[in-house]
């Protein structure tokens, strides 16, 4: 299967750029991974395929739940408010 067939099923990631060393610099998280061709970042959820960064877990949540607002790092919400949380692998 060629890169075109693979990439048509994947979602291109945001928050990245090509570094002068031709690696992809992901700056979505504080780790700022330098990702080489065919490799994934520290999270294993963003991968360099053909010089483009793809999100391997797009639209595939691993967990969904309703949490109390006190559990989240959010400000200016009423106490006892509920929030819908999504999480993915990575």
PDB file of N, CA and C in Angstrom:
ATOM      1  N   UNK A   1       0.854  -1.175   0.000  1.00  0.00           N
ATOM      2  CA  UNK A   1       0.000   0.000   0.000  1.00  0.00           C
ATOM      3  C   UNK A   1       0.898   1.235   0.000  1.00  0.00           C
ATOM      4  N   UNK A   2       0.674   2.172  -0.901  1.00  0.00           N
ATOM      5  CA  UNK A   2       1.492   3.369  -1.012  1.00  0.00           C
ATOM      6  C   UNK A   2       1.117   4.431   0.007  1.00  0.00           C
ATOM      7  N   UNK A   3       1.942   5.448   0.083  1.00  0.00           N
ATOM      8  CA  UNK A   3       1.711   6.540   1.029  1.00  0.00           C
ATOM      9  C   UNK A   3       0.403   7.247   0.731  1.00  0.00           C
ATOM     10  N   UNK A   4       0.068   7.424  -0.539  1.00  0.00           N
ATOM     11  CA  UNK A   4      -1.178   8.110  -0.890  1.00  0.00           C
ATOM     12  C   UNK A   4      -2.384   7.353  -0.350  1.00  0.00           C
ATOM     13  N   UNK A   5      -2.366   6.016  -0.425  1.00  0.00           N
ATOM     14  CA  UNK A   5      -3.486   5.219   0.084  1.00  0.00           C
ATOM     15  C   UNK A   5      -3.570   5.293   1.596  1.00  0.00           C
ATOM     16  N   UNK A   6      -2.407   5.278   2.272  1.00  0.00           N
ATOM     17  CA  UNK A   6      -2.405   5.357   3.728  1.00  0.00           C
ATOM     18  C   UNK A   6      -2.863   6.732   4.185  1.00  0.00           C
ATOM     19  N   UNK A   7      -2.287   7.789   3.610  1.00  0.00           N
ATOM     20  CA  UNK A   7      -2.572   9.141   4.077  1.00  0.00           C
ATOM     21  C   UNK A   7      -4.008   9.571   3.794  1.00  0.00           C
ATOM     22  N   UNK A   8      -4.679   8.961   2.811  1.00  0.00           N
ATOM     23  CA  UNK A   8      -6.066   9.326   2.550  1.00  0.00           C
ATOM     24  C   UNK A   8      -6.988   8.849   3.670  1.00  0.00           C
ATOM     25  N   UNK A   9      -6.537   7.877   4.489  1.00  0.00           N
ATOM     26  CA  UNK A   9      -7.334   7.366   5.598  1.00  0.00           C
ATOM     27  C   UNK A   9      -6.971   8.047   6.909  1.00  0.00           C
ATOM     28  N   UNK A  10      -5.893   8.816   6.918  1.00  0.00           N
ATOM     29  CA  UNK A  10      -5.417   9.454   8.134  1.00  0.00           C
ATOM     30  C   UNK A  10      -5.740  10.943   8.124  1.00  0.00           C
ATOM     31  N   UNK A  11      -5.657  11.531   9.295  1.00  0.00           N
ATOM     32  CA  UNK A  11      -5.907  12.956   9.444  1.00  0.00           C
ATOM     33  C   UNK A  11      -4.584  13.666   9.697  1.00  0.00           C
ATOM     34  N   UNK A  12      -4.259  14.646   8.874  1.00  0.00           N
ATOM     35  CA  UNK A  12      -3.007  15.367   9.067  1.00  0.00           C
ATOM     36  C   UNK A  12      -3.065  16.147  10.378  1.00  0.00           C
ATOM     37  N   UNK A  13      -1.990  16.046  11.138  1.00  0.00           N
ATOM     38  CA  UNK A  13      -1.901  16.713  12.434  1.00  0.00           C
ATOM     39  C   UNK A  13      -1.705  18.215  12.257  1.00  0.00           C
ATOM     40  N   UNK A  14      -1.994  18.938  13.289  1.00  0.00           N
ATOM     41  CA  UNK A  14      -1.720  20.365  13.330  1.00  0.00           C
ATOM     42  C   UNK A  14      -0.525  20.619  14.237  1.00  0.00           C
ATOM     43  N   UNK A  15      -0.089  21.857  14.304  1.00  0.00           N
ATOM     44  CA  UNK A  15       0.956  22.283  15.226  1.00  0.00           C
ATOM     45  C   UNK A  15       2.288  21.578  14.988  1.00  0.00           C
ATOM     46  N   UNK A  16       2.797  21.659  13.775  1.00  0.00           N
ATOM     47  CA  UNK A  16       4.107  21.097  13.447  1.00  0.00           C
ATOM     48  C   UNK A  16       4.714  21.887  12.298  1.00  0.00           C
ATOM     49  N   UNK A  17       6.017  21.725  12.109  1.00  0.00           N
ATOM     50  CA  UNK A  17       6.723  22.326  10.988  1.00  0.00           C
ATOM     51  C   UNK A  17       7.940  21.472  10.660  1.00  0.00           C
ATOM     52  N   UNK A  18       8.485  21.658   9.467  1.00  0.00           N
ATOM     53  CA  UNK A  18       9.697  20.935   9.070  1.00  0.00           C
ATOM     54  C   UNK A  18      10.905  21.703   9.583  1.00  0.00           C
ATOM     55  N   UNK A  19      11.789  21.003  10.292  1.00  0.00           N
ATOM     56  CA  UNK A  19      13.019  21.601  10.825  1.00  0.00           C
ATOM     57  C   UNK A  19      14.081  21.657   9.730  1.00  0.00           C
ATOM     58  N   UNK A  20      15.129  22.476   9.912  1.00  0.00           N
ATOM     59  CA  UNK A  20      16.229  22.522   8.926  1.00  0.00           C
ATOM     60  C   UNK A  20      16.896  21.162   8.713  1.00  0.00           C
ATOM     61  N   UNK A  21      16.836  20.270   9.726  1.00  0.00           N
ATOM     62  CA  UNK A  21      17.434  18.941   9.594  1.00  0.00           C
ATOM     63  C   UNK A  21      16.487  17.947   8.922  1.00  0.00           C
ATOM     64  N   UNK A  22      15.407  18.444   8.339  1.00  0.00           N
ATOM     65  CA  UNK A  22      14.407  17.672   7.593  1.00  0.00           C
ATOM     66  C   UNK A  22      13.561  16.754   8.476  1.00  0.00           C
ATOM     67  N   UNK A  23      13.660  16.895   9.791  1.00  0.00           N
ATOM     68  CA  UNK A  23      12.759  16.184  10.697  1.00  0.00           C
ATOM     69  C   UNK A  23      11.556  17.083  10.940  1.00  0.00           C
ATOM     70  N   UNK A  24      10.466  16.478  11.393  1.00  0.00           N
ATOM     71  CA  UNK A  24       9.276  17.253  11.694  1.00  0.00           C
ATOM     72  C   UNK A  24       9.292  17.646  13.165  1.00  0.00           C
ATOM     73  N   UNK A  25       9.113  18.918  13.413  1.00  0.00           N
ATOM     74  CA  UNK A  25       9.096  19.443  14.778  1.00  0.00           C
ATOM     75  C   UNK A  25       7.640  19.578  15.207  1.00  0.00           C
ATOM     76  N   UNK A  26       7.226  18.710  16.145  1.00  0.00           N
ATOM     77  CA  UNK A  26       5.879  18.795  16.691  1.00  0.00           C
ATOM     78  C   UNK A  26       5.904  19.692  17.911  1.00  0.00           C
ATOM     79  N   UNK A  27       5.054  20.721  17.927  1.00  0.00           N
ATOM     80  CA  UNK A  27       5.048  21.614  19.075  1.00  0.00           C
ATOM     81  C   UNK A  27       3.669  21.746  19.701  1.00  0.00           C
ATOM     82  N   UNK A  28       2.865  20.687  19.605  1.00  0.00           N
ATOM     83  CA  UNK A  28       1.567  20.679  20.273  1.00  0.00           C
ATOM     84  C   UNK A  28       1.740  20.502  21.779  1.00  0.00           C
ATOM     85  N   UNK A  29       2.687  19.682  22.179  1.00  0.00           N
ATOM     86  CA  UNK A  29       2.918  19.430  23.607  1.00  0.00           C
ATOM     87  C   UNK A  29       4.275  19.983  24.027  1.00  0.00           C
ATOM     88  N   UNK A  30       4.564  20.016  25.318  1.00  0.00           N
ATOM     89  CA  UNK A  30       5.830  20.583  25.800  1.00  0.00           C
ATOM     90  C   UNK A  30       7.079  19.790  25.411  1.00  0.00           C
ATOM     91  N   UNK A  31       6.957  18.581  24.907  1.00  0.00           N
ATOM     92  CA  UNK A  31       8.130  17.774  24.558  1.00  0.00           C
ATOM     93  C   UNK A  31       8.816  18.246  23.276  1.00  0.00           C
ATOM     94  N   UNK A  32       8.082  18.916  22.394  1.00  0.00           N
ATOM     95  CA  UNK A  32       8.645  19.438  21.136  1.00  0.00           C
ATOM     96  C   UNK A  32       9.465  18.370  20.409  1.00  0.00           C
ATOM     97  N   UNK A  33       8.850  17.245  20.093  1.00  0.00           N
ATOM     98  CA  UNK A  33       9.543  16.128  19.443  1.00  0.00           C
ATOM     99  C   UNK A  33      10.118  16.525  18.079  1.00  0.00           C
ATOM    100  N   UNK A  34      11.257  15.967  17.761  1.00  0.00           N
ATOM    101  CA  UNK A  34      11.851  16.026  16.420  1.00  0.00           C
ATOM    102  C   UNK A  34      11.644  14.623  15.851  1.00  0.00           C
ATOM    103  N   UNK A  35      10.737  14.492  14.885  1.00  0.00           N
ATOM    104  CA  UNK A  35      10.295  13.190  14.409  1.00  0.00           C
ATOM    105  C   UNK A  35      10.864  12.912  13.025  1.00  0.00           C
ATOM    106  N   UNK A  36      11.587  11.802  12.898  1.00  0.00           N
ATOM    107  CA  UNK A  36      12.189  11.411  11.627  1.00  0.00           C
ATOM    108  C   UNK A  36      11.215  10.628  10.751  1.00  0.00           C
ATOM    109  N   UNK A  37      11.547  10.506   9.485  1.00  0.00           N
ATOM    110  CA  UNK A  37      10.720   9.790   8.503  1.00  0.00           C
ATOM    111  C   UNK A  37      10.345   8.400   8.989  1.00  0.00           C
ATOM    112  N   UNK A  38       9.055   8.105   8.984  1.00  0.00           N
ATOM    113  CA  UNK A  38       8.553   6.790   9.368  1.00  0.00           C
ATOM    114  C   UNK A  38       8.472   6.564  10.867  1.00  0.00           C
ATOM    115  N   UNK A  39       8.845   7.562  11.657  1.00  0.00           N
ATOM    116  CA  UNK A  39       8.842   7.403  13.112  1.00  0.00           C
ATOM    117  C   UNK A  39       7.688   8.165  13.747  1.00  0.00           C
ATOM    118  N   UNK A  40       7.377   7.792  14.983  1.00  0.00           N
ATOM    119  CA  UNK A  40       6.336   8.470  15.752  1.00  0.00           C
ATOM    120  C   UNK A  40       6.991   9.296  16.850  1.00  0.00           C
ATOM    121  N   UNK A  41       6.258  10.262  17.365  1.00  0.00           N
ATOM    122  CA  UNK A  41       6.732  11.072  18.473  1.00  0.00           C
ATOM    123  C   UNK A  41       6.671  10.294  19.780  1.00  0.00           C
ATOM    124  N   UNK A  42       7.051  10.939  20.868  1.00  0.00           N
ATOM    125  CA  UNK A  42       7.059  10.314  22.189  1.00  0.00           C
ATOM    126  C   UNK A  42       5.687   9.742  22.537  1.00  0.00           C
ATOM    127  N   UNK A  43       4.630  10.383  22.094  1.00  0.00           N
ATOM    128  CA  UNK A  43       3.253   9.977  22.404  1.00  0.00           C
ATOM    129  C   UNK A  43       2.793   8.765  21.586  1.00  0.00           C
ATOM    130  N   UNK A  44       3.510   8.438  20.519  1.00  0.00           N
ATOM    131  CA  UNK A  44       3.140   7.355  19.596  1.00  0.00           C
ATOM    132  C   UNK A  44       1.800   7.592  18.907  1.00  0.00           C
ATOM    133  N   UNK A  45       1.290   8.808  18.929  1.00  0.00           N
ATOM    134  CA  UNK A  45       0.003   9.106  18.304  1.00  0.00           C
ATOM    135  C   UNK A  45       0.179  10.022  17.083  1.00  0.00           C
ATOM    136  N   UNK A  46       1.371  10.619  16.926  1.00  0.00           N
ATOM    137  CA  UNK A  46       1.667  11.483  15.779  1.00  0.00           C
ATOM    138  C   UNK A  46       2.878  10.904  15.057  1.00  0.00           C
ATOM    139  N   UNK A  47       2.752  10.689  13.734  1.00  0.00           N
ATOM    140  CA  UNK A  47       3.773   9.978  12.978  1.00  0.00           C
ATOM    141  C   UNK A  47       4.104  10.707  11.679  1.00  0.00           C
ATOM    142  N   UNK A  48       5.389  10.687  11.322  1.00  0.00           N
ATOM    143  CA  UNK A  48       5.875  11.241  10.056  1.00  0.00           C
ATOM    144  C   UNK A  48       5.672  10.195   8.962  1.00  0.00           C
ATOM    145  N   UNK A  49       4.806  10.525   8.025  1.00  0.00           N
ATOM    146  CA  UNK A  49       4.569   9.650   6.880  1.00  0.00           C
ATOM    147  C   UNK A  49       4.782  10.492   5.626  1.00  0.00           C
ATOM    148  N   UNK A  50       5.858  10.204   4.919  1.00  0.00           N
ATOM    149  CA  UNK A  50       6.138  10.931   3.684  1.00  0.00           C
ATOM    150  C   UNK A  50       6.404  12.409   3.880  1.00  0.00           C
ATOM    151  N   UNK A  51       6.994  12.788   5.017  1.00  0.00           N
ATOM    152  CA  UNK A  51       7.311  14.193   5.259  1.00  0.00           C
ATOM    153  C   UNK A  51       6.155  15.023   5.762  1.00  0.00           C
ATOM    154  N   UNK A  52       5.052  14.396   6.124  1.00  0.00           N
ATOM    155  CA  UNK A  52       3.887  15.084   6.696  1.00  0.00           C
ATOM    156  C   UNK A  52       3.588  14.420   8.030  1.00  0.00           C
ATOM    157  N   UNK A  53       3.076  15.176   9.004  1.00  0.00           N
ATOM    158  CA  UNK A  53       2.766  14.630  10.318  1.00  0.00           C
ATOM    159  C   UNK A  53       1.283  14.278  10.379  1.00  0.00           C
ATOM    160  N   UNK A  54       1.003  13.039  10.761  1.00  0.00           N
ATOM    161  CA  UNK A  54      -0.374  12.556  10.838  1.00  0.00           C
ATOM    162  C   UNK A  54      -0.730  12.155  12.260  1.00  0.00           C
ATOM    163  N   UNK A  55      -1.995  12.392  12.606  1.00  0.00           N
ATOM    164  CA  UNK A  55      -2.536  12.018  13.907  1.00  0.00           C
ATOM    165  C   UNK A  55      -3.170  10.636  13.757  1.00  0.00           C
ATOM    166  N   UNK A  56      -2.583   9.624  14.382  1.00  0.00           N
ATOM    167  CA  UNK A  56      -3.043   8.241  14.222  1.00  0.00           C
ATOM    168  C   UNK A  56      -4.307   7.926  15.015  1.00  0.00           C
ATOM    169  N   UNK A  57      -4.665   8.774  15.971  1.00  0.00           N
ATOM    170  CA  UNK A  57      -5.829   8.505  16.807  1.00  0.00           C
ATOM    171  C   UNK A  57      -7.003   9.429  16.550  1.00  0.00           C
ATOM    172  N   UNK A  58      -6.970  10.166  15.449  1.00  0.00           N
ATOM    173  CA  UNK A  58      -8.028  11.132  15.157  1.00  0.00           C
ATOM    174  C   UNK A  58      -9.395  10.446  15.078  1.00  0.00           C
ATOM    175  N   UNK A  59     -10.367  11.002  15.780  1.00  0.00           N
ATOM    176  CA  UNK A  59     -11.757  10.509  15.805  1.00  0.00           C
ATOM    177  C   UNK A  59     -11.868   9.096  16.372  1.00  0.00           C
ATOM    178  N   UNK A  60     -10.912   8.706  17.216  1.00  0.00           N
ATOM    179  CA  UNK A  60     -10.938   7.382  17.845  1.00  0.00           C
ATOM    180  C   UNK A  60     -10.707   7.526  19.351  1.00  0.00           C
ATOM    181  N   UNK A  61     -11.682   8.071  20.083  1.00  0.00           N
ATOM    182  CA  UNK A  61     -11.471   8.253  21.523  1.00  0.00           C
ATOM    183  C   UNK A  61     -11.324   6.911  22.241  1.00  0.00           C
ATOM    184  N   UNK A  62     -10.443   6.890  23.240  1.00  0.00           N
ATOM    185  CA  UNK A  62     -10.235   5.688  24.045  1.00  0.00           C
ATOM    186  C   UNK A  62     -11.132   5.703  25.274  1.00  0.00           C
ATOM    187  N   UNK A  63     -11.511   6.901  25.722  1.00  0.00           N
ATOM    188  CA  UNK A  63     -12.366   7.025  26.896  1.00  0.00           C
ATOM    189  C   UNK A  63     -13.229   8.278  26.767  1.00  0.00           C
ATOM    190  N   UNK A  64     -14.472   8.160  27.224  1.00  0.00           N
ATOM    191  CA  UNK A  64     -15.406   9.288  27.279  1.00  0.00           C
ATOM    192  C   UNK A  64     -16.131   9.192  28.613  1.00  0.00           C
ATOM    193  N   UNK A  65     -16.164  10.305  29.340  1.00  0.00           N
ATOM    194  CA  UNK A  65     -16.880  10.281  30.608  1.00  0.00           C
ATOM    195  C   UNK A  65     -17.230  11.689  31.038  1.00  0.00           C
ATOM    196  N   UNK A  66     -18.151  11.769  31.989  1.00  0.00           N
ATOM    197  CA  UNK A  66     -18.544  13.036  32.587  1.00  0.00           C
ATOM    198  C   UNK A  66     -17.837  13.133  33.939  1.00  0.00           C
ATOM    199  N   UNK A  67     -17.124  14.245  34.130  1.00  0.00           N
ATOM    200  CA  UNK A  67     -16.349  14.459  35.348  1.00  0.00           C
ATOM    201  C   UNK A  67     -16.844  15.705  36.081  1.00  0.00           C
ATOM    202  N   UNK A  68     -16.595  15.778  37.378  1.00  0.00           N
ATOM    203  CA  UNK A  68     -16.867  17.026  38.098  1.00  0.00           C
ATOM    204  C   UNK A  68     -15.839  18.081  37.690  1.00  0.00           C
ATOM    205  N   UNK A  69     -16.259  19.317  37.617  1.00  0.00           N
ATOM    206  CA  UNK A  69     -15.376  20.394  37.179  1.00  0.00           C
ATOM    207  C   UNK A  69     -14.166  20.546  38.099  1.00  0.00           C
ATOM    208  N   UNK A  70     -14.311  20.167  39.361  1.00  0.00           N
ATOM    209  CA  UNK A  70     -13.213  20.286  40.323  1.00  0.00           C
ATOM    210  C   UNK A  70     -12.023  19.402  39.957  1.00  0.00           C
ATOM    211  N   UNK A  71     -12.244  18.384  39.134  1.00  0.00           N
ATOM    212  CA  UNK A  71     -11.188  17.460  38.725  1.00  0.00           C
ATOM    213  C   UNK A  71     -10.330  18.028  37.594  1.00  0.00           C
ATOM    214  N   UNK A  72     -10.789  19.086  36.952  1.00  0.00           N
ATOM    215  CA  UNK A  72     -10.124  19.637  35.768  1.00  0.00           C
ATOM    216  C   UNK A  72      -9.382  20.927  36.091  1.00  0.00           C
ATOM    217  N   UNK A  73      -8.340  21.229  35.310  1.00  0.00           N
ATOM    218  CA  UNK A  73      -7.598  22.484  35.530  1.00  0.00           C
ATOM    219  C   UNK A  73      -8.258  23.667  34.825  1.00  0.00           C
ATOM    220  N   UNK A  74      -9.505  23.935  35.159  1.00  0.00           N
ATOM    221  CA  UNK A  74     -10.252  25.024  34.536  1.00  0.00           C
ATOM    222  C   UNK A  74     -10.652  26.050  35.592  1.00  0.00           C
ATOM    223  N   UNK A  75     -10.733  27.299  35.182  1.00  0.00           N
ATOM    224  CA  UNK A  75     -11.115  28.373  36.092  1.00  0.00           C
ATOM    225  C   UNK A  75     -12.470  28.952  35.710  1.00  0.00           C
ATOM    226  N   UNK A  76     -13.092  29.614  36.649  1.00  0.00           N
ATOM    227  CA  UNK A  76     -14.325  30.379  36.438  1.00  0.00           C
ATOM    228  C   UNK A  76     -15.520  29.511  36.048  1.00  0.00           C
ATOM    229  N   UNK A  77     -15.650  28.368  36.680  1.00  0.00           N
ATOM    230  CA  UNK A  77     -16.818  27.520  36.507  1.00  0.00           C
ATOM    231  C   UNK A  77     -17.517  27.391  37.851  1.00  0.00           C
ATOM    232  N   UNK A  78     -18.795  27.190  37.820  1.00  0.00           N
ATOM    233  CA  UNK A  78     -19.550  27.023  39.062  1.00  0.00           C
ATOM    234  C   UNK A  78     -19.196  25.697  39.728  1.00  0.00           C
ATOM    235  N   UNK A  79     -19.094  25.679  41.045  1.00  0.00           N
ATOM    236  CA  UNK A  79     -18.875  24.406  41.752  1.00  0.00           C
ATOM    237  C   UNK A  79     -19.983  23.416  41.419  1.00  0.00           C
ATOM    238  N   UNK A  80     -19.655  22.153  41.403  1.00  0.00           N
ATOM    239  CA  UNK A  80     -20.578  21.050  41.099  1.00  0.00           C
ATOM    240  C   UNK A  80     -21.015  20.999  39.641  1.00  0.00           C
ATOM    241  N   UNK A  81     -20.378  21.781  38.750  1.00  0.00           N
ATOM    242  CA  UNK A  81     -20.651  21.707  37.318  1.00  0.00           C
ATOM    243  C   UNK A  81     -20.020  20.428  36.771  1.00  0.00           C
ATOM    244  N   UNK A  82     -20.663  19.822  35.808  1.00  0.00           N
ATOM    245  CA  UNK A  82     -20.132  18.623  35.160  1.00  0.00           C
ATOM    246  C   UNK A  82     -19.499  19.013  33.829  1.00  0.00           C
ATOM    247  N   UNK A  83     -18.485  18.243  33.408  1.00  0.00           N
ATOM    248  CA  UNK A  83     -17.802  18.481  32.141  1.00  0.00           C
ATOM    249  C   UNK A  83     -17.613  17.145  31.413  1.00  0.00           C
ATOM    250  N   UNK A  84     -17.789  17.171  30.090  1.00  0.00           N
ATOM    251  CA  UNK A  84     -17.611  15.970  29.275  1.00  0.00           C
ATOM    252  C   UNK A  84     -16.153  15.868  28.881  1.00  0.00           C
ATOM    253  N   UNK A  85     -15.506  14.751  29.206  1.00  0.00           N
ATOM    254  CA  UNK A  85     -14.088  14.545  28.940  1.00  0.00           C
ATOM    255  C   UNK A  85     -13.881  13.482  27.873  1.00  0.00           C
ATOM    256  N   UNK A  86     -12.939  13.740  26.968  1.00  0.00           N
ATOM    257  CA  UNK A  86     -12.531  12.779  25.945  1.00  0.00           C
ATOM    258  C   UNK A  86     -11.040  12.534  26.092  1.00  0.00           C
ATOM    259  N   UNK A  87     -10.614  11.319  25.873  1.00  0.00           N
ATOM    260  CA  UNK A  87      -9.191  11.013  25.889  1.00  0.00           C
ATOM    261  C   UNK A  87      -8.856  10.018  24.792  1.00  0.00           C
ATOM    262  N   UNK A  88      -7.648  10.140  24.238  1.00  0.00           N
ATOM    263  CA  UNK A  88      -7.192   9.210  23.221  1.00  0.00           C
ATOM    264  C   UNK A  88      -5.946   8.510  23.711  1.00  0.00           C
ATOM    265  N   UNK A  89      -5.549   7.493  23.010  1.00  0.00           N
ATOM    266  CA  UNK A  89      -4.296   6.834  23.296  1.00  0.00           C
ATOM    267  C   UNK A  89      -3.192   7.839  23.030  1.00  0.00           C
ATOM    268  N   UNK A  90      -2.161   7.843  23.839  1.00  0.00           N
ATOM    269  CA  UNK A  90      -1.059   8.768  23.638  1.00  0.00           C
ATOM    270  C   UNK A  90      -1.244  10.028  24.375  1.00  0.00           C
TER     271      UNK A  90
END
